Amino acid sequence: MAARAARELPDGSYVNLGIGLPTLVPSFLPADVDVVLHSENGLLGVGPYPTDKEVDPDLINAGKETVTVLPGASFFDSALSFGMIRGGHIDVAVLGAMQVSARGDLANWMIPGKRVKGMGGAMDLIHGARRVIALTEHTAKDGAPKIVEECTLPLTGKACVHRVITDLGVLDPTPDGLVLVETAPGVTFEDIRQRTGAPVKDARPVVTREERQL
């Protein structure tokens, strides 16, 4: 999933990564793609995770994980950081998701009845970033669909997700419903349809028998 999401990040883009799965994305960036990672707690130019010898407890990302910084990195307060987000200076935000609706509504900050640390910066990112990608497993631990017709969990935002990348495939929410872009290796359209809580249209190009043989 992280490797597939890495293919969505253009060279030279400014990117904010949510906690969880999105933090794995930089490990899969092609060598010829350079992105600048932004952390909403006040860091631009986030580097890879540190080795034991490199750990600096004062260098953390928004998920409270220790990180390194790259040459040219800058530090600032959270007010300026959110000014960057709200000012439209973040090209892509890759966020985790608890639910995504067929039209792109996102629920990713709380489950009622469970302890919540806070909503974080997601509510600003979904409106400030030029493109929002949801990176999540296709189903929850109990097998319930996470890609649904309507979100039942408290919303982070409405119609804000441009693309969903899961362990089964890639889907685009649209005003007319979900569109399947591609499936993961070994996954069929029927697999996607059965494990999605909303209708899915197959937008993949039709491959003829002759093309398949080539």
N, C-alpha and C. Protein backbone atom coordinates (compact mmCIF):
# COMPACT_ATOMS: atom_id res chain seq x y z
N MET A 1 0.83 -1.21 0.00
CA MET A 1 0.00 0.00 0.00
C MET A 1 0.86 1.26 0.00
N ALA A 2 1.89 1.26 0.86
CA ALA A 2 2.76 2.42 0.93
C ALA A 2 3.52 2.62 -0.37
N ALA A 3 3.95 1.50 -0.99
CA ALA A 3 4.66 1.59 -2.26
C ALA A 3 3.77 2.16 -3.35
N ARG A 4 2.51 1.75 -3.35
CA ARG A 4 1.58 2.29 -4.35
C ARG A 4 1.30 3.77 -4.10
N ALA A 5 1.18 4.15 -2.84
CA ALA A 5 0.94 5.55 -2.52
C ALA A 5 2.14 6.41 -2.91
N ALA A 6 3.35 5.86 -2.79
CA ALA A 6 4.55 6.61 -3.15
C ALA A 6 4.53 7.02 -4.62
N ARG A 7 3.89 6.22 -5.46
CA ARG A 7 3.80 6.54 -6.89
C ARG A 7 2.91 7.73 -7.16
N GLU A 8 2.15 8.17 -6.17
CA GLU A 8 1.24 9.30 -6.34
C GLU A 8 1.90 10.64 -6.06
N LEU A 9 3.14 10.62 -5.56
CA LEU A 9 3.79 11.86 -5.12
C LEU A 9 4.69 12.40 -6.23
N PRO A 10 4.36 13.56 -6.80
CA PRO A 10 5.17 14.12 -7.88
C PRO A 10 6.52 14.63 -7.38
N ASP A 11 7.50 14.59 -8.24
CA ASP A 11 8.82 15.11 -7.91
C ASP A 11 8.71 16.60 -7.58
N GLY A 12 9.35 17.01 -6.48
CA GLY A 12 9.34 18.42 -6.09
C GLY A 12 8.13 18.86 -5.29
N SER A 13 7.27 17.93 -4.93
CA SER A 13 6.05 18.30 -4.22
C SER A 13 6.28 18.41 -2.71
N TYR A 14 5.41 19.17 -2.07
CA TYR A 14 5.39 19.31 -0.61
C TYR A 14 4.29 18.41 -0.08
N VAL A 15 4.65 17.50 0.82
CA VAL A 15 3.74 16.42 1.21
C VAL A 15 3.62 16.33 2.73
N ASN A 16 2.40 16.16 3.20
CA ASN A 16 2.16 15.89 4.62
C ASN A 16 1.67 14.46 4.76
N LEU A 17 2.29 13.71 5.67
CA LEU A 17 1.92 12.32 5.89
C LEU A 17 1.25 12.16 7.25
N GLY A 18 0.09 11.51 7.27
CA GLY A 18 -0.59 11.23 8.52
C GLY A 18 0.11 10.12 9.28
N ILE A 19 -0.34 9.88 10.51
CA ILE A 19 0.27 8.83 11.32
C ILE A 19 -0.18 7.45 10.83
N GLY A 20 0.56 6.42 11.21
CA GLY A 20 0.23 5.05 10.80
C GLY A 20 0.82 4.71 9.45
N LEU A 21 0.03 4.07 8.61
CA LEU A 21 0.51 3.61 7.30
C LEU A 21 1.19 4.70 6.46
N PRO A 22 0.68 5.92 6.44
CA PRO A 22 1.32 6.95 5.60
C PRO A 22 2.79 7.20 5.93
N THR A 23 3.21 6.95 7.16
CA THR A 23 4.60 7.22 7.52
C THR A 23 5.56 6.26 6.83
N LEU A 24 5.05 5.18 6.23
CA LEU A 24 5.89 4.21 5.53
C LEU A 24 6.18 4.64 4.09
N VAL A 25 5.45 5.62 3.59
CA VAL A 25 5.54 5.99 2.17
C VAL A 25 6.95 6.41 1.74
N PRO A 26 7.67 7.25 2.51
CA PRO A 26 8.99 7.69 2.03
C PRO A 26 9.97 6.56 1.75
N SER A 27 9.81 5.43 2.40
CA SER A 27 10.72 4.31 2.18
C SER A 27 10.59 3.73 0.79
N PHE A 28 9.53 4.08 0.07
CA PHE A 28 9.28 3.50 -1.25
C PHE A 28 9.35 4.52 -2.38
N LEU A 29 9.84 5.72 -2.08
CA LEU A 29 9.95 6.72 -3.14
C LEU A 29 11.06 6.34 -4.12
N PRO A 30 10.82 6.45 -5.42
CA PRO A 30 11.88 6.18 -6.40
C PRO A 30 13.06 7.11 -6.18
N ALA A 31 14.23 6.67 -6.58
CA ALA A 31 15.46 7.44 -6.37
C ALA A 31 15.43 8.79 -7.08
N ASP A 32 14.68 8.88 -8.18
CA ASP A 32 14.65 10.13 -8.95
C ASP A 32 13.51 11.05 -8.54
N VAL A 33 12.81 10.72 -7.45
CA VAL A 33 11.72 11.56 -6.97
C VAL A 33 12.11 12.17 -5.63
N ASP A 34 12.06 13.49 -5.57
CA ASP A 34 12.43 14.21 -4.35
C ASP A 34 11.20 14.97 -3.85
N VAL A 35 10.75 14.65 -2.66
CA VAL A 35 9.62 15.37 -2.07
C VAL A 35 10.08 15.99 -0.75
N VAL A 36 9.41 17.07 -0.37
CA VAL A 36 9.70 17.75 0.89
C VAL A 36 8.57 17.40 1.86
N LEU A 37 8.93 16.74 2.95
CA LEU A 37 7.92 16.30 3.91
C LEU A 37 7.67 17.36 4.97
N HIS A 38 6.39 17.63 5.19
CA HIS A 38 5.95 18.63 6.15
C HIS A 38 5.26 17.93 7.32
N SER A 39 5.62 18.36 8.54
CA SER A 39 4.95 17.84 9.73
C SER A 39 4.28 19.01 10.44
N GLU A 40 2.97 18.87 10.74
CA GLU A 40 2.21 20.02 11.21
C GLU A 40 2.62 20.53 12.58
N ASN A 41 3.47 19.79 13.30
CA ASN A 41 3.94 20.32 14.57
C ASN A 41 5.09 21.32 14.40
N GLY A 42 5.48 21.61 13.14
CA GLY A 42 6.44 22.67 12.90
C GLY A 42 7.76 22.26 12.30
N LEU A 43 7.72 21.38 11.31
CA LEU A 43 8.97 20.89 10.70
C LEU A 43 8.77 20.70 9.20
N LEU A 44 9.67 21.28 8.44
CA LEU A 44 9.67 21.12 6.99
C LEU A 44 11.02 20.55 6.59
N GLY A 45 11.00 19.41 5.90
CA GLY A 45 12.23 18.73 5.54
C GLY A 45 12.49 17.52 6.43
N VAL A 46 11.43 16.77 6.73
CA VAL A 46 11.56 15.58 7.57
C VAL A 46 12.35 14.52 6.83
N GLY A 47 13.31 13.90 7.54
CA GLY A 47 14.10 12.84 6.96
C GLY A 47 13.60 11.47 7.38
N PRO A 48 14.37 10.43 7.12
CA PRO A 48 13.96 9.07 7.49
C PRO A 48 14.01 8.86 9.00
N TYR A 49 13.45 7.74 9.44
CA TYR A 49 13.51 7.40 10.86
C TYR A 49 14.97 7.25 11.28
N PRO A 50 15.31 7.65 12.50
CA PRO A 50 16.71 7.58 12.94
C PRO A 50 17.13 6.17 13.35
N THR A 51 18.41 5.92 13.25
CA THR A 51 18.96 4.70 13.86
C THR A 51 19.06 4.96 15.36
N ASP A 52 19.40 3.94 16.12
CA ASP A 52 19.52 4.10 17.57
C ASP A 52 20.52 5.19 17.93
N LYS A 53 21.59 5.30 17.15
CA LYS A 53 22.61 6.29 17.44
C LYS A 53 22.19 7.70 17.03
N GLU A 54 21.21 7.80 16.13
CA GLU A 54 20.78 9.11 15.62
C GLU A 54 19.61 9.70 16.40
N VAL A 55 19.02 8.95 17.31
CA VAL A 55 17.80 9.41 17.99
C VAL A 55 18.06 10.70 18.75
N ASP A 56 17.24 11.70 18.47
CA ASP A 56 17.24 12.96 19.21
C ASP A 56 15.82 13.15 19.73
N PRO A 57 15.60 13.08 21.05
CA PRO A 57 14.24 13.16 21.59
C PRO A 57 13.54 14.48 21.32
N ASP A 58 14.30 15.50 20.90
CA ASP A 58 13.68 16.79 20.59
C ASP A 58 13.19 16.86 19.15
N LEU A 59 13.56 15.87 18.34
CA LEU A 59 13.12 15.85 16.94
C LEU A 59 12.01 14.82 16.78
N ILE A 60 10.77 15.29 16.74
CA ILE A 60 9.63 14.38 16.60
C ILE A 60 8.69 14.91 15.53
N ASN A 61 7.91 13.99 14.97
CA ASN A 61 6.87 14.39 14.02
C ASN A 61 5.54 14.55 14.74
N ALA A 62 4.49 14.79 13.99
CA ALA A 62 3.19 15.03 14.60
C ALA A 62 2.63 13.81 15.31
N GLY A 63 3.16 12.62 14.98
CA GLY A 63 2.73 11.39 15.64
C GLY A 63 3.58 11.05 16.85
N LYS A 64 4.41 12.00 17.29
CA LYS A 64 5.29 11.82 18.47
C LYS A 64 6.38 10.78 18.22
N GLU A 65 6.71 10.53 16.95
CA GLU A 65 7.79 9.60 16.61
C GLU A 65 9.08 10.39 16.39
N THR A 66 10.20 9.83 16.82
CA THR A 66 11.47 10.51 16.56
C THR A 66 11.81 10.40 15.07
N VAL A 67 12.35 11.49 14.53
CA VAL A 67 12.68 11.55 13.11
C VAL A 67 14.06 12.19 12.95
N THR A 68 14.54 12.23 11.73
CA THR A 68 15.73 13.00 11.39
C THR A 68 15.29 14.15 10.50
N VAL A 69 16.21 15.06 10.24
CA VAL A 69 15.92 16.16 9.33
C VAL A 69 16.95 16.16 8.21
N LEU A 70 16.55 16.66 7.06
CA LEU A 70 17.43 16.72 5.90
C LEU A 70 18.12 18.08 5.82
N PRO A 71 19.21 18.18 5.09
CA PRO A 71 19.86 19.48 4.91
C PRO A 71 18.87 20.51 4.36
N GLY A 72 18.85 21.68 4.97
CA GLY A 72 17.91 22.72 4.55
C GLY A 72 16.59 22.69 5.28
N ALA A 73 16.43 21.76 6.21
CA ALA A 73 15.18 21.68 6.97
C ALA A 73 14.98 22.94 7.81
N SER A 74 13.72 23.24 8.11
CA SER A 74 13.42 24.42 8.91
C SER A 74 12.42 24.07 10.01
N PHE A 75 12.47 24.85 11.08
CA PHE A 75 11.61 24.64 12.24
C PHE A 75 10.81 25.91 12.51
N PHE A 76 9.58 25.76 12.95
CA PHE A 76 8.71 26.92 13.18
C PHE A 76 7.60 26.51 14.13
N ASP A 77 6.82 27.48 14.57
CA ASP A 77 5.74 27.15 15.50
C ASP A 77 4.54 26.60 14.74
N SER A 78 3.61 26.03 15.49
CA SER A 78 2.46 25.37 14.85
C SER A 78 1.55 26.38 14.15
N ALA A 79 1.55 27.63 14.61
CA ALA A 79 0.72 28.64 13.95
C ALA A 79 1.18 28.85 12.51
N LEU A 80 2.50 28.97 12.32
CA LEU A 80 3.03 29.13 10.97
C LEU A 80 2.82 27.85 10.16
N SER A 81 2.96 26.70 10.81
CA SER A 81 2.77 25.42 10.13
C SER A 81 1.36 25.31 9.57
N PHE A 82 0.38 25.68 10.39
CA PHE A 82 -1.00 25.60 9.91
C PHE A 82 -1.32 26.72 8.93
N GLY A 83 -0.55 27.80 8.99
CA GLY A 83 -0.69 28.82 7.96
C GLY A 83 -0.26 28.29 6.60
N MET A 84 0.77 27.44 6.59
CA MET A 84 1.20 26.79 5.35
C MET A 84 0.09 25.90 4.81
N ILE A 85 -0.53 25.14 5.72
CA ILE A 85 -1.60 24.23 5.31
C ILE A 85 -2.81 25.00 4.79
N ARG A 86 -3.28 25.94 5.59
CA ARG A 86 -4.49 26.68 5.23
C ARG A 86 -4.26 27.60 4.04
N GLY A 87 -3.00 27.97 3.81
CA GLY A 87 -2.70 28.82 2.68
C GLY A 87 -2.55 28.08 1.37
N GLY A 88 -2.74 26.76 1.38
CA GLY A 88 -2.69 25.98 0.15
C GLY A 88 -1.30 25.67 -0.33
N HIS A 89 -0.33 25.59 0.59
CA HIS A 89 1.06 25.34 0.19
C HIS A 89 1.46 23.87 0.26
N ILE A 90 0.54 23.01 0.67
CA ILE A 90 0.81 21.57 0.71
C ILE A 90 0.19 20.93 -0.53
N ASP A 91 1.02 20.26 -1.32
CA ASP A 91 0.52 19.67 -2.56
C ASP A 91 -0.31 18.42 -2.33
N VAL A 92 0.17 17.53 -1.45
CA VAL A 92 -0.50 16.25 -1.23
C VAL A 92 -0.53 15.94 0.27
N ALA A 93 -1.66 15.47 0.75
CA ALA A 93 -1.77 14.94 2.10
C ALA A 93 -2.16 13.47 1.99
N VAL A 94 -1.37 12.60 2.61
CA VAL A 94 -1.68 11.17 2.63
C VAL A 94 -2.12 10.84 4.06
N LEU A 95 -3.37 10.45 4.22
CA LEU A 95 -3.95 10.28 5.55
C LEU A 95 -4.51 8.88 5.73
N GLY A 96 -4.47 8.39 6.94
CA GLY A 96 -5.15 7.15 7.27
C GLY A 96 -6.65 7.37 7.30
N ALA A 97 -7.41 6.28 7.35
CA ALA A 97 -8.86 6.41 7.33
C ALA A 97 -9.52 5.28 8.12
N MET A 98 -10.55 5.63 8.85
CA MET A 98 -11.42 4.63 9.47
C MET A 98 -12.58 4.29 8.54
N GLN A 99 -13.06 5.32 7.82
CA GLN A 99 -14.09 5.12 6.80
C GLN A 99 -13.92 6.18 5.72
N VAL A 100 -14.22 5.78 4.47
CA VAL A 100 -14.31 6.72 3.36
C VAL A 100 -15.61 6.42 2.63
N SER A 101 -16.39 7.46 2.35
CA SER A 101 -17.66 7.23 1.66
C SER A 101 -17.47 7.25 0.15
N ALA A 102 -18.51 6.83 -0.56
CA ALA A 102 -18.46 6.74 -2.01
C ALA A 102 -18.23 8.09 -2.68
N ARG A 103 -18.59 9.17 -1.99
CA ARG A 103 -18.38 10.50 -2.58
C ARG A 103 -17.16 11.21 -1.99
N GLY A 104 -16.39 10.48 -1.17
CA GLY A 104 -15.15 11.04 -0.67
C GLY A 104 -15.19 11.66 0.70
N ASP A 105 -16.26 11.44 1.46
CA ASP A 105 -16.27 11.89 2.85
C ASP A 105 -15.24 11.06 3.63
N LEU A 106 -14.59 11.68 4.60
CA LEU A 106 -13.54 11.01 5.37
C LEU A 106 -13.86 11.03 6.86
N ALA A 107 -13.73 9.85 7.49
CA ALA A 107 -13.82 9.73 8.95
C ALA A 107 -12.51 9.10 9.41
N ASN A 108 -11.69 9.85 10.14
CA ASN A 108 -10.40 9.28 10.51
C ASN A 108 -9.89 9.75 11.88
N TRP A 109 -10.78 10.34 12.70
CA TRP A 109 -10.20 10.88 13.93
C TRP A 109 -10.76 10.30 15.22
N MET A 110 -11.93 9.65 15.17
CA MET A 110 -12.41 9.07 16.42
C MET A 110 -13.44 7.99 16.18
N ILE A 111 -13.52 7.05 17.15
CA ILE A 111 -14.59 6.07 17.23
C ILE A 111 -15.32 6.34 18.53
N PRO A 112 -16.62 6.66 18.48
CA PRO A 112 -17.35 6.97 19.71
C PRO A 112 -17.19 5.88 20.77
N GLY A 113 -16.93 6.32 22.00
CA GLY A 113 -16.77 5.38 23.10
C GLY A 113 -15.34 4.96 23.36
N LYS A 114 -14.45 5.29 22.42
CA LYS A 114 -13.04 4.97 22.61
C LYS A 114 -12.25 6.23 22.90
N ARG A 115 -11.15 6.05 23.62
CA ARG A 115 -10.33 7.19 24.02
C ARG A 115 -9.74 7.87 22.79
N VAL A 116 -9.79 9.20 22.79
CA VAL A 116 -9.31 9.97 21.65
C VAL A 116 -8.28 10.99 22.14
N LYS A 117 -7.12 11.02 21.49
CA LYS A 117 -6.09 11.99 21.87
C LYS A 117 -6.43 13.39 21.35
N GLY A 118 -7.15 13.44 20.26
CA GLY A 118 -7.48 14.72 19.63
C GLY A 118 -7.63 14.52 18.14
N MET A 119 -8.14 15.54 17.47
CA MET A 119 -8.40 15.41 16.04
C MET A 119 -7.15 15.68 15.20
N GLY A 120 -6.09 16.22 15.81
CA GLY A 120 -4.88 16.47 15.04
C GLY A 120 -5.10 17.51 13.96
N GLY A 121 -4.29 17.45 12.91
CA GLY A 121 -4.38 18.46 11.86
C GLY A 121 -5.17 18.04 10.65
N ALA A 122 -5.82 16.88 10.71
CA ALA A 122 -6.49 16.34 9.51
C ALA A 122 -7.58 17.26 8.99
N MET A 123 -8.33 17.90 9.88
CA MET A 123 -9.44 18.75 9.41
C MET A 123 -8.93 19.94 8.63
N ASP A 124 -7.73 20.41 8.94
CA ASP A 124 -7.13 21.49 8.15
C ASP A 124 -6.53 20.96 6.86
N LEU A 125 -5.89 19.79 6.95
CA LEU A 125 -5.21 19.24 5.78
C LEU A 125 -6.18 18.88 4.66
N ILE A 126 -7.34 18.36 4.99
CA ILE A 126 -8.26 17.94 3.94
C ILE A 126 -8.80 19.12 3.13
N HIS A 127 -8.76 20.31 3.72
CA HIS A 127 -9.23 21.50 3.00
C HIS A 127 -8.07 22.32 2.45
N GLY A 128 -6.89 22.22 3.08
CA GLY A 128 -5.76 23.03 2.63
C GLY A 128 -4.89 22.38 1.59
N ALA A 129 -4.78 21.04 1.64
CA ALA A 129 -3.94 20.34 0.66
C ALA A 129 -4.63 20.30 -0.70
N ARG A 130 -3.83 20.37 -1.76
CA ARG A 130 -4.41 20.35 -3.11
C ARG A 130 -4.96 18.98 -3.47
N ARG A 131 -4.39 17.92 -2.91
CA ARG A 131 -4.84 16.57 -3.20
C ARG A 131 -4.78 15.75 -1.92
N VAL A 132 -5.83 14.98 -1.66
CA VAL A 132 -5.91 14.16 -0.45
C VAL A 132 -6.03 12.70 -0.84
N ILE A 133 -5.13 11.88 -0.31
CA ILE A 133 -5.13 10.44 -0.57
C ILE A 133 -5.38 9.73 0.75
N ALA A 134 -6.36 8.84 0.76
CA ALA A 134 -6.62 8.01 1.94
C ALA A 134 -5.92 6.67 1.76
N LEU A 135 -5.11 6.31 2.74
CA LEU A 135 -4.34 5.06 2.70
C LEU A 135 -4.82 4.19 3.85
N THR A 136 -5.45 3.04 3.54
CA THR A 136 -6.07 2.24 4.58
C THR A 136 -6.30 0.81 4.13
N GLU A 137 -6.45 -0.10 5.08
CA GLU A 137 -6.90 -1.45 4.73
C GLU A 137 -8.32 -1.35 4.20
N HIS A 138 -8.68 -2.29 3.33
CA HIS A 138 -10.00 -2.23 2.70
C HIS A 138 -11.11 -2.54 3.70
N THR A 139 -10.82 -3.39 4.68
CA THR A 139 -11.81 -3.75 5.69
C THR A 139 -11.23 -3.59 7.08
N ALA A 140 -12.10 -3.46 8.07
CA ALA A 140 -11.67 -3.36 9.46
C ALA A 140 -11.28 -4.74 9.98
N LYS A 141 -10.79 -4.79 11.22
CA LYS A 141 -10.34 -6.06 11.80
C LYS A 141 -11.48 -7.08 11.89
N ASP A 142 -12.72 -6.60 12.04
CA ASP A 142 -13.85 -7.53 12.12
C ASP A 142 -14.43 -7.86 10.75
N GLY A 143 -13.77 -7.40 9.69
CA GLY A 143 -14.23 -7.69 8.34
C GLY A 143 -15.20 -6.69 7.76
N ALA A 144 -15.63 -5.72 8.56
CA ALA A 144 -16.59 -4.71 8.08
C ALA A 144 -15.91 -3.80 7.05
N PRO A 145 -16.63 -3.41 6.01
CA PRO A 145 -16.05 -2.53 4.99
C PRO A 145 -15.67 -1.18 5.58
N LYS A 146 -14.54 -0.64 5.13
CA LYS A 146 -14.15 0.71 5.51
C LYS A 146 -14.45 1.70 4.39
N ILE A 147 -14.70 1.16 3.18
CA ILE A 147 -15.14 1.97 2.05
C ILE A 147 -16.64 1.77 1.94
N VAL A 148 -17.42 2.79 2.23
CA VAL A 148 -18.86 2.63 2.46
C VAL A 148 -19.67 3.64 1.65
N GLU A 149 -20.97 3.38 1.60
CA GLU A 149 -21.88 4.33 0.94
C GLU A 149 -21.95 5.63 1.71
N GLU A 150 -22.16 5.53 3.03
CA GLU A 150 -22.20 6.70 3.91
C GLU A 150 -21.38 6.39 5.16
N CYS A 151 -20.57 7.33 5.61
CA CYS A 151 -19.80 7.14 6.84
C CYS A 151 -20.74 7.15 8.05
N THR A 152 -20.50 6.23 8.96
CA THR A 152 -21.28 6.20 10.20
C THR A 152 -20.49 6.76 11.38
N LEU A 153 -19.19 6.95 11.21
CA LEU A 153 -18.35 7.54 12.24
C LEU A 153 -18.31 9.06 12.06
N PRO A 154 -17.95 9.79 13.12
CA PRO A 154 -17.88 11.25 13.01
C PRO A 154 -16.94 11.68 11.88
N LEU A 155 -17.40 12.61 11.06
CA LEU A 155 -16.65 13.02 9.87
C LEU A 155 -15.49 13.93 10.20
N THR A 156 -14.41 13.72 9.46
CA THR A 156 -13.31 14.68 9.45
C THR A 156 -13.62 15.76 8.42
N GLY A 157 -14.21 15.36 7.30
CA GLY A 157 -14.58 16.31 6.26
C GLY A 157 -15.44 15.66 5.20
N LYS A 158 -16.12 16.49 4.41
CA LYS A 158 -17.01 16.00 3.37
C LYS A 158 -16.38 16.16 1.99
N ALA A 159 -16.57 15.13 1.16
CA ALA A 159 -16.14 15.15 -0.25
C ALA A 159 -14.72 15.71 -0.41
N CYS A 160 -13.81 15.20 0.41
CA CYS A 160 -12.44 15.75 0.43
C CYS A 160 -11.39 14.77 -0.09
N VAL A 161 -11.72 13.49 -0.20
CA VAL A 161 -10.75 12.48 -0.61
C VAL A 161 -10.77 12.33 -2.13
N HIS A 162 -9.61 12.46 -2.74
CA HIS A 162 -9.51 12.32 -4.19
C HIS A 162 -9.22 10.88 -4.63
N ARG A 163 -8.50 10.14 -3.79
CA ARG A 163 -8.14 8.77 -4.16
C ARG A 163 -8.01 7.93 -2.88
N VAL A 164 -8.42 6.66 -2.97
CA VAL A 164 -8.30 5.72 -1.86
C VAL A 164 -7.39 4.57 -2.31
N ILE A 165 -6.37 4.29 -1.52
CA ILE A 165 -5.46 3.18 -1.81
C ILE A 165 -5.56 2.19 -0.66
N THR A 166 -5.91 0.94 -0.98
CA THR A 166 -6.06 -0.09 0.03
C THR A 166 -5.21 -1.30 -0.33
N ASP A 167 -5.31 -2.34 0.49
CA ASP A 167 -4.59 -3.57 0.21
C ASP A 167 -5.19 -4.33 -0.96
N LEU A 168 -6.39 -3.93 -1.41
CA LEU A 168 -7.04 -4.61 -2.53
C LEU A 168 -6.95 -3.84 -3.84
N GLY A 169 -6.80 -2.53 -3.76
CA GLY A 169 -6.77 -1.79 -5.00
C GLY A 169 -6.81 -0.29 -4.81
N VAL A 170 -7.07 0.42 -5.91
CA VAL A 170 -7.13 1.88 -5.93
C VAL A 170 -8.50 2.30 -6.44
N LEU A 171 -9.16 3.16 -5.67
CA LEU A 171 -10.49 3.63 -6.06
C LEU A 171 -10.56 5.15 -5.96
N ASP A 172 -11.35 5.75 -6.83
CA ASP A 172 -11.58 7.19 -6.78
C ASP A 172 -13.03 7.47 -6.40
N PRO A 173 -13.27 8.17 -5.29
CA PRO A 173 -14.62 8.62 -4.98
C PRO A 173 -15.01 9.75 -5.93
N THR A 174 -16.24 9.74 -6.41
CA THR A 174 -16.73 10.79 -7.29
C THR A 174 -18.15 11.15 -6.87
N PRO A 175 -18.68 12.26 -7.37
CA PRO A 175 -20.08 12.60 -7.07
C PRO A 175 -21.07 11.52 -7.50
N ASP A 176 -20.65 10.67 -8.46
CA ASP A 176 -21.51 9.59 -8.95
C ASP A 176 -21.16 8.24 -8.34
N GLY A 177 -20.27 8.22 -7.33
CA GLY A 177 -19.94 6.96 -6.67
C GLY A 177 -18.50 6.55 -6.89
N LEU A 178 -18.18 5.35 -6.44
CA LEU A 178 -16.81 4.84 -6.48
C LEU A 178 -16.43 4.32 -7.87
N VAL A 179 -15.21 4.63 -8.27
CA VAL A 179 -14.69 4.16 -9.54
C VAL A 179 -13.41 3.37 -9.27
N LEU A 180 -13.34 2.14 -9.74
CA LEU A 180 -12.15 1.31 -9.57
C LEU A 180 -11.10 1.69 -10.61
N VAL A 181 -9.91 2.06 -10.13
CA VAL A 181 -8.81 2.45 -11.01
C VAL A 181 -7.92 1.26 -11.31
N GLU A 182 -7.58 0.48 -10.29
CA GLU A 182 -6.76 -0.71 -10.48
C GLU A 182 -6.92 -1.63 -9.29
N THR A 183 -6.60 -2.90 -9.50
CA THR A 183 -6.62 -3.88 -8.42
C THR A 183 -5.20 -4.27 -8.05
N ALA A 184 -5.01 -4.70 -6.81
CA ALA A 184 -3.72 -5.21 -6.38
C ALA A 184 -3.47 -6.56 -7.06
N PRO A 185 -2.21 -6.99 -7.16
CA PRO A 185 -1.92 -8.28 -7.79
C PRO A 185 -2.71 -9.42 -7.15
N GLY A 186 -3.35 -10.23 -8.00
CA GLY A 186 -4.12 -11.37 -7.51
C GLY A 186 -5.53 -11.05 -7.06
N VAL A 187 -5.91 -9.78 -7.12
CA VAL A 187 -7.24 -9.36 -6.67
C VAL A 187 -8.12 -9.13 -7.89
N THR A 188 -9.36 -9.58 -7.81
CA THR A 188 -10.31 -9.41 -8.92
C THR A 188 -11.31 -8.31 -8.60
N PHE A 189 -12.01 -7.88 -9.63
CA PHE A 189 -13.07 -6.90 -9.44
C PHE A 189 -14.14 -7.44 -8.49
N GLU A 190 -14.43 -8.73 -8.58
CA GLU A 190 -15.43 -9.32 -7.70
C GLU A 190 -14.97 -9.26 -6.24
N ASP A 191 -13.67 -9.46 -5.99
CA ASP A 191 -13.14 -9.31 -4.62
C ASP A 191 -13.42 -7.91 -4.08
N ILE A 192 -13.14 -6.93 -4.92
CA ILE A 192 -13.36 -5.53 -4.53
C ILE A 192 -14.84 -5.30 -4.26
N ARG A 193 -15.69 -5.77 -5.17
CA ARG A 193 -17.13 -5.52 -5.06
C ARG A 193 -17.69 -6.12 -3.78
N GLN A 194 -17.27 -7.35 -3.45
CA GLN A 194 -17.81 -8.03 -2.28
C GLN A 194 -17.37 -7.41 -0.96
N ARG A 195 -16.21 -6.78 -0.95
CA ARG A 195 -15.67 -6.26 0.31
C ARG A 195 -15.77 -4.74 0.42
N THR A 196 -16.56 -4.17 -0.47
CA THR A 196 -16.81 -2.73 -0.43
C THR A 196 -18.26 -2.49 -0.05
N GLY A 197 -18.48 -1.52 0.83
CA GLY A 197 -19.84 -1.26 1.31
C GLY A 197 -20.61 -0.28 0.47
N ALA A 198 -20.27 -0.18 -0.81
CA ALA A 198 -20.96 0.70 -1.75
C ALA A 198 -20.74 0.16 -3.15
N PRO A 199 -21.63 0.51 -4.09
CA PRO A 199 -21.43 0.07 -5.48
C PRO A 199 -20.12 0.61 -6.05
N VAL A 200 -19.50 -0.19 -6.91
CA VAL A 200 -18.22 0.20 -7.52
C VAL A 200 -18.33 0.04 -9.04
N LYS A 201 -17.92 1.08 -9.76
CA LYS A 201 -17.86 1.01 -11.22
C LYS A 201 -16.43 0.67 -11.64
N ASP A 202 -16.30 -0.23 -12.60
CA ASP A 202 -14.99 -0.64 -13.08
C ASP A 202 -14.58 0.26 -14.23
N ALA A 203 -13.60 1.13 -14.01
CA ALA A 203 -13.15 2.07 -15.03
C ALA A 203 -11.88 1.62 -15.72
N ARG A 204 -11.42 0.42 -15.42
CA ARG A 204 -10.18 -0.05 -16.04
C ARG A 204 -10.40 -0.31 -17.53
N PRO A 205 -9.39 -0.05 -18.35
CA PRO A 205 -9.54 -0.30 -19.79
C PRO A 205 -9.72 -1.78 -20.07
N VAL A 206 -10.55 -2.08 -21.04
CA VAL A 206 -10.79 -3.47 -21.42
C VAL A 206 -9.61 -3.98 -22.23
N VAL A 207 -9.07 -5.10 -21.83
CA VAL A 207 -7.92 -5.70 -22.53
C VAL A 207 -8.41 -6.86 -23.38
N THR A 208 -8.15 -6.81 -24.68
CA THR A 208 -8.58 -7.87 -25.57
C THR A 208 -7.70 -9.10 -25.40
N ARG A 209 -8.17 -10.22 -25.95
CA ARG A 209 -7.39 -11.46 -25.88
C ARG A 209 -6.06 -11.30 -26.60
N GLU A 210 -6.09 -10.57 -27.73
CA GLU A 210 -4.87 -10.39 -28.51
C GLU A 210 -3.86 -9.55 -27.73
N GLU A 211 -4.34 -8.49 -27.04
CA GLU A 211 -3.45 -7.65 -26.23
C GLU A 211 -2.88 -8.43 -25.06
N ARG A 212 -3.71 -9.31 -24.49
CA ARG A 212 -3.26 -10.11 -23.36
C ARG A 212 -2.15 -11.06 -23.79
N GLN A 213 -2.22 -11.57 -24.97
CA GLN A 213 -1.21 -12.48 -25.48
C GLN A 213 0.10 -11.77 -25.78
N LEU A 214 0.01 -10.47 -26.14
CA LEU A 214 1.21 -9.69 -26.37
C LEU A 214 1.97 -9.42 -25.07
